[in-house]
Amino acid sequence: MEVVVEKGIQQEMQKYIPLVEKEMERILNLGVSLGIRKILNYQIASGGKRLRPLVCIFSYRLLGGEKEEEILSAAAGIEILHNYTLIIDDIIDKSVIRRGKPTFWKKYGKSIAECLAVDYGASVFQAALLSKKPKEVSQIFSQTMKTTVEGEILDILFEQRGREDEIFVVENRYKEISLEHYMRMIRKKSACLVRASCEIGAVLANSSEKEKKLLGDYGENVGIAFQIRDDILDIFGKETQFGKEIGRDIKDRKLGNIVLNFAFRELSLKEVKKIKSIFQKETISTDEVEEIISLIEKTSAKEKSQKLGEKYIEKAKKSLKDLPDNKWKRYLLGIADFAAKRNR
């Protein structure tokens, strides 16, 4: 059952999400001709949970920030950055569905998507320039972009086949993925964006270094739990709720999925070899995806993955312990619970 966020969070979402989306569109359209704007805005118009700008704003408010004009551009910038990574990720993975709609490249073509992704990257720094502390926000944005690239490369190297024309990938693939490898990848590819969201909120609220670190730790741990839940939904979710193709990680031969990682520890050697042999095929059929999911269902991988995600939620909550007690802390705690239990 989908976890329901409390009424107070819903009210703040109803207030802030339209403001963030309006600011995202404004920043993306800066210096862009009318003919390009409609295409450029497709990615952000297709929706999203807006988790990152929300935790950015809530972090700012938690530490006493009161002026919307101080935080709105930076919050929009982190969501533009997130969507920038999604455009690139969908091109790399050849994903055709996101949020229940055609992906950017599928809608307009790979070359157009690659060109307009550059606009998203440029808009991130336009957002930083519009913030109260452009130098500090730009530094967080730039380091976050570099970190996500490293995470994306790791994710590619965890694939077991494909990209045979890319020599670096072929020569550097990981044949075995440990839990440590997996955690390094999701910290870099996914969790760092949520960490950055919280750090930006803290910086713009004139936080101490300790407060910035505590909020950053909260964001990183929420981001880890969010990605673990994403891995669970990739295999066990419902496409109508999840908004993406179920079993996509299997079709992409990705070993960088925590459910597979845990399942391999319980399956017999013969069953593991069976899955890995399917991963070596040129194409993986729907029947083979279902066969692998059936093998995973024999194990406790789903439950172990969920418990791991909940462990990181507890770590996230612990990071907030020494921060001010107000409704914004309560809202951040509620978002943490949502991240670990969502169905979409």
Protein backbone atom coordinates (compact mmCIF):
# COMPACT_ATOMS: atom_id res chain seq x y z
CA MET A 1 0.00 0.00 0.00
CA GLU A 2 1.28 3.48 -0.88
CA VAL A 3 2.54 5.39 2.15
CA VAL A 4 0.52 8.56 2.77
CA VAL A 5 2.42 11.71 3.72
CA GLU A 6 0.98 13.80 6.50
CA LYS A 7 -1.38 16.69 5.81
CA GLY A 8 1.21 19.33 6.70
CA ILE A 9 3.67 17.99 4.11
CA GLN A 10 0.91 17.83 1.50
CA GLN A 11 0.05 21.48 2.16
CA GLU A 12 3.67 22.56 1.78
CA MET A 13 3.96 20.50 -1.41
CA GLN A 14 0.87 22.20 -2.82
CA LYS A 15 2.43 25.55 -1.99
CA TYR A 16 6.03 25.02 -3.08
CA ILE A 17 5.93 22.58 -6.01
CA PRO A 18 4.06 24.99 -8.35
CA LEU A 19 6.50 27.76 -7.38
CA VAL A 20 9.51 25.52 -8.07
CA GLU A 21 8.09 24.33 -11.39
CA LYS A 22 7.38 27.90 -12.49
CA GLU A 23 10.95 28.88 -11.56
CA MET A 24 12.38 25.84 -13.37
CA GLU A 25 10.55 26.82 -16.54
CA ARG A 26 11.65 30.45 -16.21
CA ILE A 27 15.32 29.51 -15.79
CA LEU A 28 15.28 26.93 -18.57
CA ASN A 29 13.76 29.49 -20.94
CA LEU A 30 16.36 32.19 -20.24
CA GLY A 31 18.10 33.03 -23.51
CA VAL A 32 16.25 30.31 -25.44
CA SER A 33 14.24 31.03 -28.60
CA LEU A 34 10.47 30.50 -28.61
CA GLY A 35 10.71 27.62 -31.07
CA ILE A 36 12.86 25.56 -28.68
CA ARG A 37 11.02 26.27 -25.42
CA LYS A 38 8.14 23.83 -25.91
CA ILE A 39 10.54 20.98 -26.66
CA LEU A 40 12.91 22.00 -23.85
CA ASN A 41 10.12 22.02 -21.27
CA TYR A 42 8.86 18.51 -22.13
CA GLN A 43 11.17 16.83 -19.61
CA ILE A 44 10.03 18.89 -16.61
CA ALA A 45 6.39 18.99 -17.77
CA SER A 46 6.24 15.18 -17.64
CA GLY A 47 6.12 15.39 -13.84
CA GLY A 48 8.12 13.94 -10.97
CA LYS A 49 7.96 13.77 -7.19
CA ARG A 50 10.09 16.94 -6.77
CA LEU A 51 11.72 15.32 -3.74
CA ARG A 52 14.99 17.20 -4.12
CA PRO A 53 13.66 20.78 -4.21
CA LEU A 54 11.32 19.94 -1.34
CA VAL A 55 14.11 18.72 0.95
CA CYS A 56 16.16 21.74 -0.15
CA ILE A 57 13.39 24.12 0.92
CA PHE A 58 12.56 22.17 4.10
CA SER A 59 16.25 22.16 5.09
CA TYR A 60 16.41 25.92 4.58
CA ARG A 61 13.25 26.46 6.65
CA LEU A 62 14.42 24.05 9.36
CA LEU A 63 17.44 26.27 10.05
CA GLY A 64 15.41 29.48 10.15
CA GLY A 65 15.39 30.56 6.51
CA GLU A 66 12.27 32.60 5.79
CA LYS A 67 12.60 34.31 2.40
CA GLU A 68 11.30 32.31 -0.57
CA GLU A 69 13.32 34.45 -2.98
CA GLU A 70 16.53 33.23 -1.29
CA ILE A 71 15.87 29.53 -1.87
CA LEU A 72 13.55 29.17 -4.86
CA SER A 73 16.09 29.52 -7.69
CA ALA A 74 18.56 27.12 -6.05
CA ALA A 75 15.77 24.60 -5.35
CA ALA A 76 14.72 24.83 -9.00
CA GLY A 77 18.36 24.40 -10.01
CA ILE A 78 18.78 21.11 -8.14
CA GLU A 79 15.67 19.73 -9.84
CA ILE A 80 16.92 20.89 -13.23
CA LEU A 81 20.20 19.11 -12.45
CA HIS A 82 18.28 15.96 -11.50
CA ASN A 83 16.35 16.07 -14.80
CA TYR A 84 19.59 16.69 -16.67
CA THR A 85 20.93 13.40 -15.28
CA LEU A 86 17.67 11.64 -16.21
CA ILE A 87 17.89 12.79 -19.84
CA ILE A 88 21.44 11.44 -20.10
CA ASP A 89 20.59 8.25 -18.18
CA ASP A 90 17.64 7.49 -20.48
CA ILE A 91 19.81 7.97 -23.58
CA ILE A 92 22.54 5.71 -22.17
CA ASP A 93 20.07 3.00 -21.13
CA LYS A 94 17.82 3.46 -24.19
CA SER A 95 14.86 3.73 -21.83
CA VAL A 96 11.63 4.57 -23.63
CA ILE A 97 9.25 5.19 -20.70
CA ARG A 98 9.60 7.49 -17.72
CA ARG A 99 6.77 8.69 -15.50
CA GLY A 100 4.40 6.80 -17.78
CA LYS A 101 5.36 8.87 -20.85
CA PRO A 102 7.92 8.58 -23.66
CA THR A 103 11.36 9.64 -22.51
CA PHE A 104 12.88 12.85 -23.87
CA TRP A 105 15.03 11.11 -26.49
CA LYS A 106 12.21 8.75 -27.51
CA LYS A 107 9.87 11.70 -28.00
CA TYR A 108 12.20 14.00 -29.94
CA GLY A 109 15.12 11.84 -31.04
CA LYS A 110 18.53 11.14 -29.60
CA SER A 111 20.37 14.03 -31.28
CA ILE A 112 17.83 16.64 -30.15
CA ALA A 113 17.82 15.24 -26.61
CA GLU A 114 21.62 15.37 -26.48
CA CYS A 115 21.62 18.99 -27.67
CA LEU A 116 18.94 20.13 -25.23
CA ALA A 117 20.59 18.30 -22.34
CA VAL A 118 23.33 20.93 -22.67
CA ASP A 119 20.68 23.59 -22.03
CA TYR A 120 19.75 21.81 -18.82
CA GLY A 121 23.38 21.77 -17.73
CA ALA A 122 23.76 25.49 -18.47
CA SER A 123 20.51 26.27 -16.63
CA VAL A 124 21.86 24.66 -13.46
CA PHE A 125 24.49 27.38 -13.21
CA GLN A 126 22.05 30.12 -14.19
CA ALA A 127 20.03 28.98 -11.18
CA ALA A 128 23.13 29.21 -8.98
CA LEU A 129 23.83 32.76 -10.19
CA LEU A 130 20.30 33.76 -9.17
CA SER A 131 20.79 32.45 -5.62
CA LYS A 132 21.88 34.43 -2.55
CA LYS A 133 25.28 32.71 -2.46
CA PRO A 134 26.17 31.96 -6.11
CA LYS A 135 29.76 30.87 -5.45
CA GLU A 136 28.86 28.34 -2.75
CA VAL A 137 25.85 26.99 -4.64
CA SER A 138 27.85 26.71 -7.89
CA GLN A 139 30.52 24.73 -6.06
CA ILE A 140 27.93 22.25 -4.73
CA PHE A 141 26.32 21.95 -8.17
CA SER A 142 29.63 21.39 -9.99
CA GLN A 143 30.91 18.77 -7.55
CA THR A 144 27.56 17.00 -7.61
CA MET A 145 27.61 16.84 -11.41
CA LYS A 146 31.10 15.34 -11.38
CA THR A 147 30.11 12.81 -8.72
CA THR A 148 26.99 11.69 -10.61
CA VAL A 149 29.11 11.12 -13.73
CA GLU A 150 31.34 8.74 -11.76
CA GLY A 151 28.26 6.93 -10.48
CA GLU A 152 26.82 6.66 -13.98
CA ILE A 153 30.08 5.18 -15.28
CA LEU A 154 30.08 2.60 -12.49
CA ASP A 155 26.48 1.67 -13.35
CA ILE A 156 27.50 1.15 -16.98
CA LEU A 157 30.48 -0.98 -15.95
CA PHE A 158 28.17 -3.17 -13.84
CA GLU A 159 26.32 -4.23 -17.03
CA GLN A 160 27.18 -7.73 -18.19
CA ARG A 161 26.85 -7.27 -21.93
CA GLY A 162 26.21 -4.67 -24.60
CA ARG A 163 28.21 -1.65 -25.77
CA GLU A 164 30.63 -3.97 -27.56
CA ASP A 165 31.80 -1.03 -29.68
CA GLU A 166 32.93 0.83 -26.53
CA ILE A 167 36.41 -0.52 -25.76
CA PHE A 168 36.72 1.05 -22.31
CA VAL A 169 33.44 -0.51 -21.18
CA VAL A 170 34.28 -3.94 -22.58
CA GLU A 171 37.73 -3.96 -20.96
CA ASN A 172 36.60 -2.66 -17.55
CA ARG A 173 33.32 -4.45 -16.84
CA TYR A 174 32.79 -5.72 -13.30
CA LYS A 175 32.21 -9.48 -13.34
CA GLU A 176 31.16 -9.61 -9.68
CA ILE A 177 29.38 -6.86 -7.77
CA SER A 178 29.87 -6.75 -4.00
CA LEU A 179 27.61 -4.84 -1.63
CA GLU A 180 30.46 -2.33 -1.25
CA HIS A 181 30.58 -1.82 -5.04
CA TYR A 182 26.81 -1.31 -5.12
CA MET A 183 26.81 1.20 -2.26
CA ARG A 184 29.61 3.21 -3.87
CA MET A 185 27.65 3.40 -7.11
CA ILE A 186 24.33 4.56 -5.62
CA ARG A 187 26.04 7.07 -3.33
CA LYS A 188 27.61 8.68 -6.37
CA LYS A 189 24.84 8.29 -8.93
CA SER A 190 21.75 8.97 -6.82
CA ALA A 191 22.30 9.83 -3.17
CA CYS A 192 24.68 12.73 -3.83
CA LEU A 193 21.83 14.72 -5.44
CA VAL A 194 19.70 14.52 -2.30
CA ARG A 195 22.75 15.36 -0.18
CA ALA A 196 23.38 18.41 -2.35
CA SER A 197 19.75 19.50 -2.00
CA CYS A 198 20.03 19.54 1.78
CA GLU A 199 23.45 21.20 1.80
CA ILE A 200 22.19 24.01 -0.43
CA GLY A 201 19.26 24.62 1.90
CA ALA A 202 21.67 24.74 4.83
CA VAL A 203 24.12 27.09 3.10
CA LEU A 204 21.39 29.55 2.13
CA ALA A 205 20.10 29.52 5.72
CA ASN A 206 23.61 30.58 6.91
CA SER A 207 24.21 27.30 8.70
CA SER A 208 27.26 26.19 10.64
CA GLU A 209 29.47 23.50 9.11
CA LYS A 210 28.06 21.01 11.62
CA GLU A 211 24.47 21.78 10.60
CA LYS A 212 25.39 21.52 6.93
CA LYS A 213 27.02 18.13 7.50
CA LEU A 214 24.10 16.77 9.52
CA LEU A 215 21.61 17.79 6.86
CA GLY A 216 23.91 16.47 4.13
CA ASP A 217 24.14 13.12 5.94
CA TYR A 218 20.36 13.05 6.23
CA GLY A 219 20.06 13.69 2.48
CA GLU A 220 22.60 11.06 1.51
CA ASN A 221 20.95 8.37 3.61
CA VAL A 222 17.48 9.24 2.31
CA GLY A 223 18.91 9.11 -1.22
CA ILE A 224 20.37 5.65 -0.59
CA ALA A 225 17.04 4.37 0.74
CA PHE A 226 15.23 5.97 -2.19
CA GLN A 227 17.44 4.14 -4.70
CA ILE A 228 17.13 0.83 -2.87
CA ARG A 229 13.36 1.20 -3.06
CA ASP A 230 13.72 2.01 -6.77
CA ASP A 231 15.61 -1.27 -7.24
CA ILE A 232 12.84 -3.19 -5.46
CA LEU A 233 10.15 -1.54 -7.58
CA ASP A 234 12.11 -2.23 -10.77
CA ILE A 235 11.57 -5.95 -10.14
CA PHE A 236 8.44 -6.14 -7.98
CA GLY A 237 6.56 -2.93 -8.78
CA LYS A 238 3.49 -2.31 -10.92
CA GLU A 239 4.22 -0.43 -14.13
CA THR A 240 1.01 1.63 -13.85
CA GLN A 241 2.18 2.95 -10.46
CA PHE A 242 5.95 2.96 -10.95
CA GLY A 243 5.77 4.77 -14.30
CA LYS A 244 8.69 2.79 -15.74
CA GLU A 245 9.09 -0.60 -17.38
CA ILE A 246 9.25 -3.39 -14.79
CA GLY A 247 12.36 -5.58 -15.07
CA ARG A 248 14.32 -2.92 -16.93
CA ASP A 249 17.48 -3.60 -14.90
CA ILE A 250 17.28 -7.25 -15.95
CA LYS A 251 16.81 -6.37 -19.62
CA ASP A 252 19.78 -4.02 -19.33
CA ARG A 253 21.81 -6.83 -17.70
CA LYS A 254 22.59 -4.62 -14.71
CA LEU A 255 24.13 -6.28 -11.68
CA GLY A 256 23.88 -2.93 -9.91
CA ASN A 257 20.50 -3.78 -8.39
CA ILE A 258 20.41 -4.62 -4.69
CA VAL A 259 17.68 -7.26 -5.11
CA LEU A 260 19.84 -9.24 -7.53
CA ASN A 261 22.80 -8.82 -5.19
CA PHE A 262 20.93 -10.40 -2.28
CA ALA A 263 19.28 -13.07 -4.47
CA PHE A 264 22.63 -14.33 -5.76
CA ARG A 265 23.67 -15.08 -2.18
CA GLU A 266 20.74 -17.47 -1.69
CA LEU A 267 20.29 -19.07 -5.09
CA SER A 268 22.14 -22.24 -6.01
CA LEU A 269 25.25 -22.04 -8.18
CA LYS A 270 23.24 -23.55 -11.02
CA GLU A 271 20.54 -20.88 -10.70
CA VAL A 272 23.07 -18.06 -10.55
CA LYS A 273 24.77 -19.42 -13.66
CA LYS A 274 21.36 -19.58 -15.35
CA ILE A 275 20.73 -15.89 -14.67
CA LYS A 276 24.21 -14.88 -15.77
CA SER A 277 23.86 -16.93 -18.97
CA ILE A 278 20.67 -15.02 -19.77
CA PHE A 279 22.53 -11.78 -19.10
CA GLN A 280 25.01 -12.78 -21.81
CA LYS A 281 22.32 -13.13 -24.50
CA GLU A 282 22.08 -10.58 -27.27
CA THR A 283 18.44 -9.92 -26.37
CA ILE A 284 16.49 -10.88 -23.26
CA SER A 285 12.87 -11.86 -23.81
CA THR A 286 9.91 -11.04 -21.57
CA ASP A 287 9.68 -14.73 -20.68
CA GLU A 288 13.31 -14.73 -19.55
CA VAL A 289 12.73 -11.61 -17.44
CA GLU A 290 9.80 -13.40 -15.79
CA GLU A 291 11.94 -16.50 -15.28
CA ILE A 292 14.60 -14.48 -13.46
CA ILE A 293 11.99 -12.72 -11.33
CA SER A 294 10.52 -16.14 -10.41
CA LEU A 295 13.95 -17.28 -9.23
CA ILE A 296 14.37 -14.09 -7.19
CA GLU A 297 10.94 -14.62 -5.61
CA LYS A 298 12.21 -17.90 -4.14
CA THR A 299 14.64 -15.94 -2.00
CA SER A 300 14.32 -13.36 0.77
CA ALA A 301 16.06 -10.74 -1.41
CA LYS A 302 13.06 -8.40 -1.47
CA GLU A 303 12.71 -8.41 2.32
CA LYS A 304 16.47 -8.01 2.87
CA SER A 305 16.57 -5.11 0.43
CA GLN A 306 13.66 -3.40 2.17
CA LYS A 307 15.33 -3.85 5.57
CA LEU A 308 18.55 -2.35 4.24
CA GLY A 309 16.64 0.68 2.96
CA GLU A 310 14.93 1.08 6.32
CA LYS A 311 18.32 0.92 8.04
CA TYR A 312 19.44 3.96 6.06
CA ILE A 313 16.20 5.77 6.87
CA GLU A 314 16.97 5.29 10.56
CA LYS A 315 20.45 6.72 9.96
CA ALA A 316 18.88 9.68 8.17
CA LYS A 317 16.54 10.35 11.07
CA LYS A 318 19.41 10.12 13.56
CA SER A 319 21.23 12.88 11.64
CA LEU A 320 18.38 15.27 12.39
CA LYS A 321 18.44 14.62 16.14
CA ASP A 322 20.65 17.59 17.07
CA LEU A 323 18.94 20.05 14.72
CA PRO A 324 16.15 22.45 15.76
CA ASP A 325 12.84 20.89 16.74
CA ASN A 326 10.16 22.41 14.54
CA LYS A 327 7.59 21.34 11.98
CA TRP A 328 10.22 21.33 9.21
CA LYS A 329 12.17 18.62 11.00
CA ARG A 330 8.96 16.61 11.28
CA TYR A 331 8.36 17.06 7.56
CA LEU A 332 11.87 15.85 6.73
CA LEU A 333 11.24 12.79 8.91
CA GLY A 334 8.02 12.18 6.97
CA ILE A 335 9.81 12.43 3.63
CA ALA A 336 12.32 9.87 4.88
CA ASP A 337 9.50 7.40 5.60
CA PHE A 338 8.02 8.05 2.15
CA ALA A 339 11.36 7.32 0.45
CA ALA A 340 11.56 3.84 1.94
CA LYS A 341 7.96 2.74 1.40
CA ARG A 342 6.71 4.40 -1.79
CA ASN A 343 5.21 2.41 -4.67
CA ARG A 344 6.04 4.92 -7.41
